[in-house]
Amino acid sequence: TLNCCRDLWKSAWNRHVVYERKDV
């Protein structure tokens, strides 16, 4: 699970998409 999270944050898609802040 931790590795999949890490992979998600390293992905090209994630680095180029701007997210709307709806978290904490």
PDB file of all heavy atoms in Angstrom:
ATOM      1  N   THR A   1       0.838  -1.205   0.000  1.00  0.00           N
ATOM      2  CA  THR A   1       0.000   0.000   0.000  1.00  0.00           C
ATOM      3  C   THR A   1       0.870   1.252   0.000  1.00  0.00           C
ATOM      4  O   THR A   1       0.634   2.182  -0.784  1.00  0.00           O
ATOM      5  CB  THR A   1      -0.941   0.002   1.221  1.00  0.00           C
ATOM      6  OG1 THR A   1      -1.746  -1.178   1.198  1.00  0.00           O
ATOM      7  CG2 THR A   1      -1.829   1.233   1.218  1.00  0.00           C
ATOM      8  N   LEU A   2       1.892   1.275   0.852  1.00  0.00           N
ATOM      9  CA  LEU A   2       2.799   2.426   0.883  1.00  0.00           C
ATOM     10  C   LEU A   2       3.542   2.583  -0.440  1.00  0.00           C
ATOM     11  O   LEU A   2       3.717   3.703  -0.933  1.00  0.00           O
ATOM     12  CB  LEU A   2       3.782   2.285   2.039  1.00  0.00           C
ATOM     13  CG  LEU A   2       3.174   2.346   3.444  1.00  0.00           C
ATOM     14  CD1 LEU A   2       4.225   2.052   4.497  1.00  0.00           C
ATOM     15  CD2 LEU A   2       2.501   3.675   3.690  1.00  0.00           C
ATOM     16  N   ASN A   3       3.961   1.479  -1.041  1.00  0.00           N
ATOM     17  CA  ASN A   3       4.647   1.540  -2.339  1.00  0.00           C
ATOM     18  C   ASN A   3       3.719   2.042  -3.441  1.00  0.00           C
ATOM     19  O   ASN A   3       4.131   2.824  -4.300  1.00  0.00           O
ATOM     20  CB  ASN A   3       5.223   0.180  -2.714  1.00  0.00           C
ATOM     21  CG  ASN A   3       6.418  -0.196  -1.878  1.00  0.00           C
ATOM     22  OD1 ASN A   3       7.036   0.652  -1.234  1.00  0.00           O
ATOM     23  ND2 ASN A   3       6.740  -1.474  -1.859  1.00  0.00           N
ATOM     24  N   CYS A   4       2.471   1.603  -3.429  1.00  0.00           N
ATOM     25  CA  CYS A   4       1.504   2.085  -4.423  1.00  0.00           C
ATOM     26  C   CYS A   4       1.254   3.587  -4.256  1.00  0.00           C
ATOM     27  O   CYS A   4       1.117   4.310  -5.253  1.00  0.00           O
ATOM     28  CB  CYS A   4       0.191   1.311  -4.320  1.00  0.00           C
ATOM     29  SG  CYS A   4       0.256  -0.362  -4.958  1.00  0.00           S
ATOM     30  N   CYS A   5       1.199   4.047  -3.013  1.00  0.00           N
ATOM     31  CA  CYS A   5       1.050   5.487  -2.766  1.00  0.00           C
ATOM     32  C   CYS A   5       2.250   6.246  -3.314  1.00  0.00           C
ATOM     33  O   CYS A   5       2.103   7.289  -3.959  1.00  0.00           O
ATOM     34  CB  CYS A   5       0.902   5.758  -1.278  1.00  0.00           C
ATOM     35  SG  CYS A   5      -0.641   5.173  -0.560  1.00  0.00           S
ATOM     36  N   ARG A   6       3.423   5.713  -3.067  1.00  0.00           N
ATOM     37  CA  ARG A   6       4.654   6.338  -3.563  1.00  0.00           C
ATOM     38  C   ARG A   6       4.661   6.358  -5.097  1.00  0.00           C
ATOM     39  O   ARG A   6       5.011   7.368  -5.714  1.00  0.00           O
ATOM     40  CB  ARG A   6       5.860   5.568  -3.023  1.00  0.00           C
ATOM     41  CG  ARG A   6       7.130   6.344  -3.025  1.00  0.00           C
ATOM     42  CD  ARG A   6       8.240   5.646  -2.253  1.00  0.00           C
ATOM     43  NE  ARG A   6       7.909   5.543  -0.831  1.00  0.00           N
ATOM     44  CZ  ARG A   6       7.831   4.394  -0.159  1.00  0.00           C
ATOM     45  NH1 ARG A   6       8.087   3.257  -0.743  1.00  0.00           N
ATOM     46  NH2 ARG A   6       7.525   4.388   1.122  1.00  0.00           N
ATOM     47  N   ASP A   7       4.264   5.254  -5.709  1.00  0.00           N
ATOM     48  CA  ASP A   7       4.207   5.186  -7.167  1.00  0.00           C
ATOM     49  C   ASP A   7       3.222   6.204  -7.731  1.00  0.00           C
ATOM     50  O   ASP A   7       3.466   6.819  -8.765  1.00  0.00           O
ATOM     51  CB  ASP A   7       3.804   3.786  -7.640  1.00  0.00           C
ATOM     52  CG  ASP A   7       4.867   2.745  -7.360  1.00  0.00           C
ATOM     53  OD1 ASP A   7       6.016   3.131  -7.049  1.00  0.00           O
ATOM     54  OD2 ASP A   7       4.548   1.544  -7.445  1.00  0.00           O
ATOM     55  N   LEU A   8       2.103   6.380  -7.039  1.00  0.00           N
ATOM     56  CA  LEU A   8       1.102   7.348  -7.484  1.00  0.00           C
ATOM     57  C   LEU A   8       1.675   8.759  -7.489  1.00  0.00           C
ATOM     58  O   LEU A   8       1.494   9.514  -8.448  1.00  0.00           O
ATOM     59  CB  LEU A   8      -0.123   7.282  -6.566  1.00  0.00           C
ATOM     60  CG  LEU A   8      -1.210   8.300  -6.875  1.00  0.00           C
ATOM     61  CD1 LEU A   8      -1.999   7.849  -8.092  1.00  0.00           C
ATOM     62  CD2 LEU A   8      -2.112   8.478  -5.685  1.00  0.00           C
ATOM     63  N   TRP A   9       2.391   9.124  -6.425  1.00  0.00           N
ATOM     64  CA  TRP A   9       2.943  10.479  -6.348  1.00  0.00           C
ATOM     65  C   TRP A   9       4.081  10.701  -7.332  1.00  0.00           C
ATOM     66  O   TRP A   9       4.350  11.829  -7.722  1.00  0.00           O
ATOM     67  CB  TRP A   9       3.412  10.789  -4.926  1.00  0.00           C
ATOM     68  CG  TRP A   9       2.253  10.905  -3.989  1.00  0.00           C
ATOM     69  CD1 TRP A   9       1.963  10.085  -2.947  1.00  0.00           C
ATOM     70  CD2 TRP A   9       1.206  11.877  -4.027  1.00  0.00           C
ATOM     71  NE1 TRP A   9       0.806  10.477  -2.329  1.00  0.00           N
ATOM     72  CE2 TRP A   9       0.322  11.585  -2.970  1.00  0.00           C
ATOM     73  CE3 TRP A   9       0.917  12.959  -4.844  1.00  0.00           C
ATOM     74  CZ2 TRP A   9      -0.829  12.328  -2.707  1.00  0.00           C
ATOM     75  CZ3 TRP A   9      -0.225  13.707  -4.587  1.00  0.00           C
ATOM     76  CH2 TRP A   9      -1.072  13.392  -3.539  1.00  0.00           C
ATOM     77  N   LYS A  10       4.748   9.627  -7.768  1.00  0.00           N
ATOM     78  CA  LYS A  10       5.839   9.763  -8.732  1.00  0.00           C
ATOM     79  C   LYS A  10       5.346   9.760 -10.177  1.00  0.00           C
ATOM     80  O   LYS A  10       6.105  10.086 -11.080  1.00  0.00           O
ATOM     81  CB  LYS A  10       6.836   8.599  -8.573  1.00  0.00           C
ATOM     82  CG  LYS A  10       7.646   8.676  -7.303  1.00  0.00           C
ATOM     83  CD  LYS A  10       8.767   7.669  -7.262  1.00  0.00           C
ATOM     84  CE  LYS A  10       8.333   6.259  -7.514  1.00  0.00           C
ATOM     85  NZ  LYS A  10       9.369   5.252  -7.329  1.00  0.00           N
ATOM     86  N   SER A  11       4.097   9.402 -10.399  1.00  0.00           N
ATOM     87  CA  SER A  11       3.596   9.260 -11.772  1.00  0.00           C
ATOM     88  C   SER A  11       3.567  10.598 -12.500  1.00  0.00           C
ATOM     89  O   SER A  11       3.393  11.667 -11.908  1.00  0.00           O
ATOM     90  CB  SER A  11       2.192   8.648 -11.769  1.00  0.00           C
ATOM     91  OG  SER A  11       1.249   9.579 -11.279  1.00  0.00           O
ATOM     92  N   ALA A  12       3.739  10.539 -13.801  1.00  0.00           N
ATOM     93  CA  ALA A  12       3.739  11.749 -14.627  1.00  0.00           C
ATOM     94  C   ALA A  12       2.390  12.458 -14.554  1.00  0.00           C
ATOM     95  O   ALA A  12       2.323  13.685 -14.515  1.00  0.00           O
ATOM     96  CB  ALA A  12       4.064  11.392 -16.075  1.00  0.00           C
ATOM     97  N   TRP A  13       1.311  11.710 -14.529  1.00  0.00           N
ATOM     98  CA  TRP A  13      -0.028  12.291 -14.445  1.00  0.00           C
ATOM     99  C   TRP A  13      -0.145  13.151 -13.177  1.00  0.00           C
ATOM    100  O   TRP A  13      -0.603  14.276 -13.222  1.00  0.00           O
ATOM    101  CB  TRP A  13      -1.081  11.180 -14.415  1.00  0.00           C
ATOM    102  CG  TRP A  13      -2.445  11.678 -14.066  1.00  0.00           C
ATOM    103  CD1 TRP A  13      -3.048  11.631 -12.854  1.00  0.00           C
ATOM    104  CD2 TRP A  13      -3.360  12.345 -14.937  1.00  0.00           C
ATOM    105  NE1 TRP A  13      -4.281  12.207 -12.897  1.00  0.00           N
ATOM    106  CE2 TRP A  13      -4.502  12.656 -14.181  1.00  0.00           C
ATOM    107  CE3 TRP A  13      -3.332  12.707 -16.277  1.00  0.00           C
ATOM    108  CZ2 TRP A  13      -5.593  13.297 -14.716  1.00  0.00           C
ATOM    109  CZ3 TRP A  13      -4.430  13.352 -16.805  1.00  0.00           C
ATOM    110  CH2 TRP A  13      -5.537  13.647 -16.038  1.00  0.00           C
ATOM    111  N   ASN A  14       0.276  12.624 -12.092  1.00  0.00           N
ATOM    112  CA  ASN A  14       0.155  13.331 -10.821  1.00  0.00           C
ATOM    113  C   ASN A  14       1.013  14.591 -10.784  1.00  0.00           C
ATOM    114  O   ASN A  14       0.626  15.585 -10.194  1.00  0.00           O
ATOM    115  CB  ASN A  14       0.536  12.396  -9.665  1.00  0.00           C
ATOM    116  CG  ASN A  14       0.137  12.976  -8.349  1.00  0.00           C
ATOM    117  OD1 ASN A  14      -1.026  13.268  -8.124  1.00  0.00           O
ATOM    118  ND2 ASN A  14       1.102  13.167  -7.480  1.00  0.00           N
ATOM    119  N   ARG A  15       2.164  14.560 -11.420  1.00  0.00           N
ATOM    120  CA  ARG A  15       3.046  15.722 -11.402  1.00  0.00           C
ATOM    121  C   ARG A  15       2.538  16.869 -12.269  1.00  0.00           C
ATOM    122  O   ARG A  15       2.929  18.010 -12.076  1.00  0.00           O
ATOM    123  CB  ARG A  15       4.447  15.324 -11.866  1.00  0.00           C
ATOM    124  CG  ARG A  15       5.197  14.552 -10.777  1.00  0.00           C
ATOM    125  CD  ARG A  15       6.600  14.226 -11.192  1.00  0.00           C
ATOM    126  NE  ARG A  15       6.533  12.990 -11.984  1.00  0.00           N
ATOM    127  CZ  ARG A  15       7.191  12.753 -13.095  1.00  0.00           C
ATOM    128  NH1 ARG A  15       7.998  13.649 -13.589  1.00  0.00           N
ATOM    129  NH2 ARG A  15       7.059  11.611 -13.738  1.00  0.00           N
ATOM    130  N   HIS A  16       1.647  16.566 -13.220  1.00  0.00           N
ATOM    131  CA  HIS A  16       1.198  17.603 -14.158  1.00  0.00           C
ATOM    132  C   HIS A  16      -0.254  18.027 -13.956  1.00  0.00           C
ATOM    133  O   HIS A  16      -0.758  18.848 -14.698  1.00  0.00           O
ATOM    134  CB  HIS A  16       1.391  17.130 -15.599  1.00  0.00           C
ATOM    135  CG  HIS A  16       2.830  16.890 -15.934  1.00  0.00           C
ATOM    136  ND1 HIS A  16       3.786  17.876 -15.910  1.00  0.00           N
ATOM    137  CD2 HIS A  16       3.493  15.762 -16.273  1.00  0.00           C
ATOM    138  CE1 HIS A  16       4.965  17.378 -16.235  1.00  0.00           C
ATOM    139  NE2 HIS A  16       4.818  16.093 -16.447  1.00  0.00           N
ATOM    140  N   VAL A  17      -0.927  17.493 -12.967  1.00  0.00           N
ATOM    141  CA  VAL A  17      -2.320  17.824 -12.723  1.00  0.00           C
ATOM    142  C   VAL A  17      -2.400  18.707 -11.480  1.00  0.00           C
ATOM    143  O   VAL A  17      -1.736  18.448 -10.484  1.00  0.00           O
ATOM    144  CB  VAL A  17      -3.160  16.530 -12.510  1.00  0.00           C
ATOM    145  CG1 VAL A  17      -4.565  16.868 -12.078  1.00  0.00           C
ATOM    146  CG2 VAL A  17      -3.180  15.720 -13.785  1.00  0.00           C
ATOM    147  N   VAL A  18      -3.230  19.733 -11.549  1.00  0.00           N
ATOM    148  CA  VAL A  18      -3.442  20.612 -10.411  1.00  0.00           C
ATOM    149  C   VAL A  18      -4.741  20.179  -9.747  1.00  0.00           C
ATOM    150  O   VAL A  18      -5.786  20.103 -10.385  1.00  0.00           O
ATOM    151  CB  VAL A  18      -3.561  22.089 -10.859  1.00  0.00           C
ATOM    152  CG1 VAL A  18      -3.854  22.988  -9.676  1.00  0.00           C
ATOM    153  CG2 VAL A  18      -2.300  22.508 -11.581  1.00  0.00           C
ATOM    154  N   TYR A  19      -4.671  19.895  -8.455  1.00  0.00           N
ATOM    155  CA  TYR A  19      -5.832  19.427  -7.716  1.00  0.00           C
ATOM    156  C   TYR A  19      -6.464  20.563  -6.938  1.00  0.00           C
ATOM    157  O   TYR A  19      -5.789  21.454  -6.451  1.00  0.00           O
ATOM    158  CB  TYR A  19      -5.435  18.330  -6.721  1.00  0.00           C
ATOM    159  CG  TYR A  19      -4.989  17.070  -7.388  1.00  0.00           C
ATOM    160  CD1 TYR A  19      -3.646  16.759  -7.493  1.00  0.00           C
ATOM    161  CD2 TYR A  19      -5.919  16.196  -7.918  1.00  0.00           C
ATOM    162  CE1 TYR A  19      -3.230  15.597  -8.108  1.00  0.00           C
ATOM    163  CE2 TYR A  19      -5.514  15.034  -8.542  1.00  0.00           C
ATOM    164  CZ  TYR A  19      -4.178  14.738  -8.627  1.00  0.00           C
ATOM    165  OH  TYR A  19      -3.772  13.587  -9.242  1.00  0.00           O
ATOM    166  N   GLU A  20      -7.768  20.491  -6.826  1.00  0.00           N
ATOM    167  CA  GLU A  20      -8.489  21.422  -5.979  1.00  0.00           C
ATOM    168  C   GLU A  20      -8.315  20.954  -4.547  1.00  0.00           C
ATOM    169  O   GLU A  20      -8.472  19.777  -4.239  1.00  0.00           O
ATOM    170  CB  GLU A  20      -9.970  21.395  -6.365  1.00  0.00           C
ATOM    171  CG  GLU A  20     -10.797  22.409  -5.657  1.00  0.00           C
ATOM    172  CD  GLU A  20     -12.239  22.364  -6.131  1.00  0.00           C
ATOM    173  OE1 GLU A  20     -12.479  21.999  -7.286  1.00  0.00           O
ATOM    174  OE2 GLU A  20     -13.104  22.686  -5.322  1.00  0.00           O
ATOM    175  N   ARG A  21      -7.984  21.859  -3.638  1.00  0.00           N
ATOM    176  CA  ARG A  21      -7.698  21.475  -2.246  1.00  0.00           C
ATOM    177  C   ARG A  21      -9.005  21.240  -1.490  1.00  0.00           C
ATOM    178  O   ARG A  21      -9.701  22.171  -1.138  1.00  0.00           O
ATOM    179  CB  ARG A  21      -6.884  22.563  -1.555  1.00  0.00           C
ATOM    180  CG  ARG A  21      -5.549  22.841  -2.186  1.00  0.00           C
ATOM    181  CD  ARG A  21      -4.597  21.716  -1.990  1.00  0.00           C
ATOM    182  NE  ARG A  21      -4.272  21.628  -0.582  1.00  0.00           N
ATOM    183  CZ  ARG A  21      -3.504  20.708  -0.077  1.00  0.00           C
ATOM    184  NH1 ARG A  21      -2.998  19.785  -0.818  1.00  0.00           N
ATOM    185  NH2 ARG A  21      -3.250  20.685   1.201  1.00  0.00           N
ATOM    186  N   LYS A  22      -9.319  19.972  -1.258  1.00  0.00           N
ATOM    187  CA  LYS A  22     -10.506  19.620  -0.481  1.00  0.00           C
ATOM    188  C   LYS A  22     -10.132  18.672   0.643  1.00  0.00           C
ATOM    189  O   LYS A  22     -10.925  17.876   1.069  1.00  0.00           O
ATOM    190  CB  LYS A  22     -11.544  18.934  -1.370  1.00  0.00           C
ATOM    191  CG  LYS A  22     -12.210  19.841  -2.342  1.00  0.00           C
ATOM    192  CD  LYS A  22     -13.303  19.120  -3.062  1.00  0.00           C
ATOM    193  CE  LYS A  22     -14.009  20.026  -4.023  1.00  0.00           C
ATOM    194  NZ  LYS A  22     -15.062  19.347  -4.748  1.00  0.00           N
ATOM    195  N   ASP A  23      -8.927  18.757   1.109  1.00  0.00           N
ATOM    196  CA  ASP A  23      -8.512  17.824   2.154  1.00  0.00           C
ATOM    197  C   ASP A  23      -8.539  18.500   3.519  1.00  0.00           C
ATOM    198  O   ASP A  23      -9.470  19.207   3.841  1.00  0.00           O
ATOM    199  CB  ASP A  23      -7.153  17.192   1.838  1.00  0.00           C
ATOM    200  CG  ASP A  23      -6.087  18.243   1.534  1.00  0.00           C
ATOM    201  OD1 ASP A  23      -6.320  19.412   1.833  1.00  0.00           O
ATOM    202  OD2 ASP A  23      -5.030  17.876   1.010  1.00  0.00           O
ATOM    203  N   VAL A  24      -7.544  18.328   4.316  1.00  0.00           N
ATOM    204  CA  VAL A  24      -7.545  18.775   5.705  1.00  0.00           C
ATOM    205  C   VAL A  24      -7.780  20.272   5.834  1.00  0.00           C
ATOM    206  O   VAL A  24      -8.557  20.715   6.661  1.00  0.00           O
ATOM    207  CB  VAL A  24      -6.209  18.379   6.388  1.00  0.00           C
ATOM    208  CG1 VAL A  24      -6.157  18.922   7.797  1.00  0.00           C
ATOM    209  CG2 VAL A  24      -6.054  16.884   6.374  1.00  0.00           C
TER     210      VAL A  24
END
